Amino acid sequence: MFKRKNASATDALIEIRKCIDHSYKVRSHIEELDDKGNPALSHEIQEMKKKSNSIINSLNKTYQKAIEVEKETERFRKLNLGKK
């Protein structure tokens, strides 16, 4: 995911956002399959929808946590600048 060893919280946010966007595209393709109404694949499509939603929810939670980390990092950075 990251090309640098010491990736920042901002870098993490960017990468997570890319994953979320890609996951929405995948879910859109799954919904297109569902709209075509192939009864033989109905169960598999429903399972893919559930997994897709689960992945998106997890990524959104991770994104929110990364935002919190970035805010805390910025707060500590400001505190450390004030000590100098």
Protein backbone atom coordinates (compact mmCIF):
# COMPACT_ATOMS: atom_id res chain seq x y z
CA MET A 1 0.00 0.00 0.00
CA PHE A 2 2.67 2.52 1.05
CA LYS A 3 5.83 3.12 -0.88
CA ARG A 4 7.62 4.85 2.00
CA LYS A 5 8.61 3.32 5.32
CA ASN A 6 7.44 6.31 7.37
CA ALA A 7 4.11 7.13 5.80
CA SER A 8 2.18 9.91 7.50
CA ALA A 9 -1.42 9.86 8.64
CA THR A 10 -2.23 12.03 5.62
CA ASP A 11 -0.72 9.39 3.33
CA ALA A 12 -2.84 6.77 5.08
CA LEU A 13 -5.97 8.88 4.57
CA ILE A 14 -5.26 9.19 0.87
CA GLU A 15 -4.70 5.45 0.45
CA ILE A 16 -7.76 4.51 2.51
CA ARG A 17 -9.87 6.95 0.48
CA LYS A 18 -8.65 5.28 -2.73
CA CYS A 19 -9.66 1.89 -1.31
CA ILE A 20 -13.09 3.20 -0.34
CA ASP A 21 -13.64 4.68 -3.80
CA HIS A 22 -12.58 1.43 -5.44
CA SER A 23 -14.89 -0.55 -3.12
CA TYR A 24 -17.84 1.61 -4.15
CA LYS A 25 -17.02 0.90 -7.80
CA VAL A 26 -16.92 -2.83 -7.09
CA ARG A 27 -20.26 -2.62 -5.28
CA SER A 28 -21.70 -0.75 -8.27
CA HIS A 29 -20.61 -3.59 -10.57
CA ILE A 30 -22.18 -6.12 -8.21
CA GLU A 31 -25.44 -4.16 -8.30
CA GLU A 32 -25.31 -4.17 -12.10
CA LEU A 33 -25.03 -7.96 -12.00
CA ASP A 34 -27.98 -8.09 -9.63
CA ASP A 35 -30.04 -5.86 -11.94
CA LYS A 36 -29.51 -8.31 -14.78
CA GLY A 37 -31.44 -10.79 -12.66
CA ASN A 38 -29.64 -14.07 -13.25
CA PRO A 39 -31.46 -16.40 -10.82
CA ALA A 40 -28.66 -18.96 -10.93
CA LEU A 41 -26.28 -16.39 -9.44
CA SER A 42 -28.74 -14.73 -7.06
CA HIS A 43 -27.33 -16.28 -3.87
CA GLU A 44 -23.71 -15.53 -4.85
CA ILE A 45 -24.58 -11.96 -5.77
CA GLN A 46 -26.29 -11.42 -2.40
CA GLU A 47 -23.20 -12.79 -0.63
CA MET A 48 -20.96 -10.47 -2.66
CA LYS A 49 -23.19 -7.53 -1.70
CA LYS A 50 -22.91 -8.39 1.99
CA LYS A 51 -19.13 -8.74 1.78
CA SER A 52 -18.83 -5.53 -0.20
CA ASN A 53 -20.89 -3.61 2.36
CA SER A 54 -18.83 -5.09 5.18
CA ILE A 55 -15.58 -4.03 3.50
CA ILE A 56 -16.88 -0.51 2.88
CA ASN A 57 -18.04 -0.19 6.50
CA SER A 58 -14.66 -1.37 7.77
CA LEU A 59 -12.80 1.01 5.49
CA ASN A 60 -15.00 3.91 6.58
CA LYS A 61 -14.26 3.11 10.25
CA THR A 62 -10.56 2.89 9.47
CA TYR A 63 -10.76 6.21 7.64
CA GLN A 64 -12.40 7.86 10.67
CA LYS A 65 -9.69 6.44 12.95
CA ALA A 66 -6.99 7.75 10.60
CA ILE A 67 -8.59 11.21 10.76
CA GLU A 68 -8.47 11.04 14.56
CA VAL A 69 -4.80 10.01 14.44
CA GLU A 70 -4.01 12.87 12.09
CA LYS A 71 -5.76 15.36 14.40
CA GLU A 72 -3.88 14.02 17.44
CA THR A 73 -0.59 14.11 15.54
CA GLU A 74 -1.21 17.72 14.57
CA ARG A 75 -2.13 18.60 18.16
CA PHE A 76 1.10 17.06 19.48
CA ARG A 77 3.10 18.77 16.75
CA LYS A 78 1.69 22.13 17.85
CA LEU A 79 2.42 21.34 21.50
CA ASN A 80 6.01 20.43 20.68
CA LEU A 81 6.48 23.62 18.64
CA GLY A 82 5.27 25.62 21.63
CA LYS A 83 7.95 24.05 23.86
CA LYS A 84 10.85 25.22 21.69
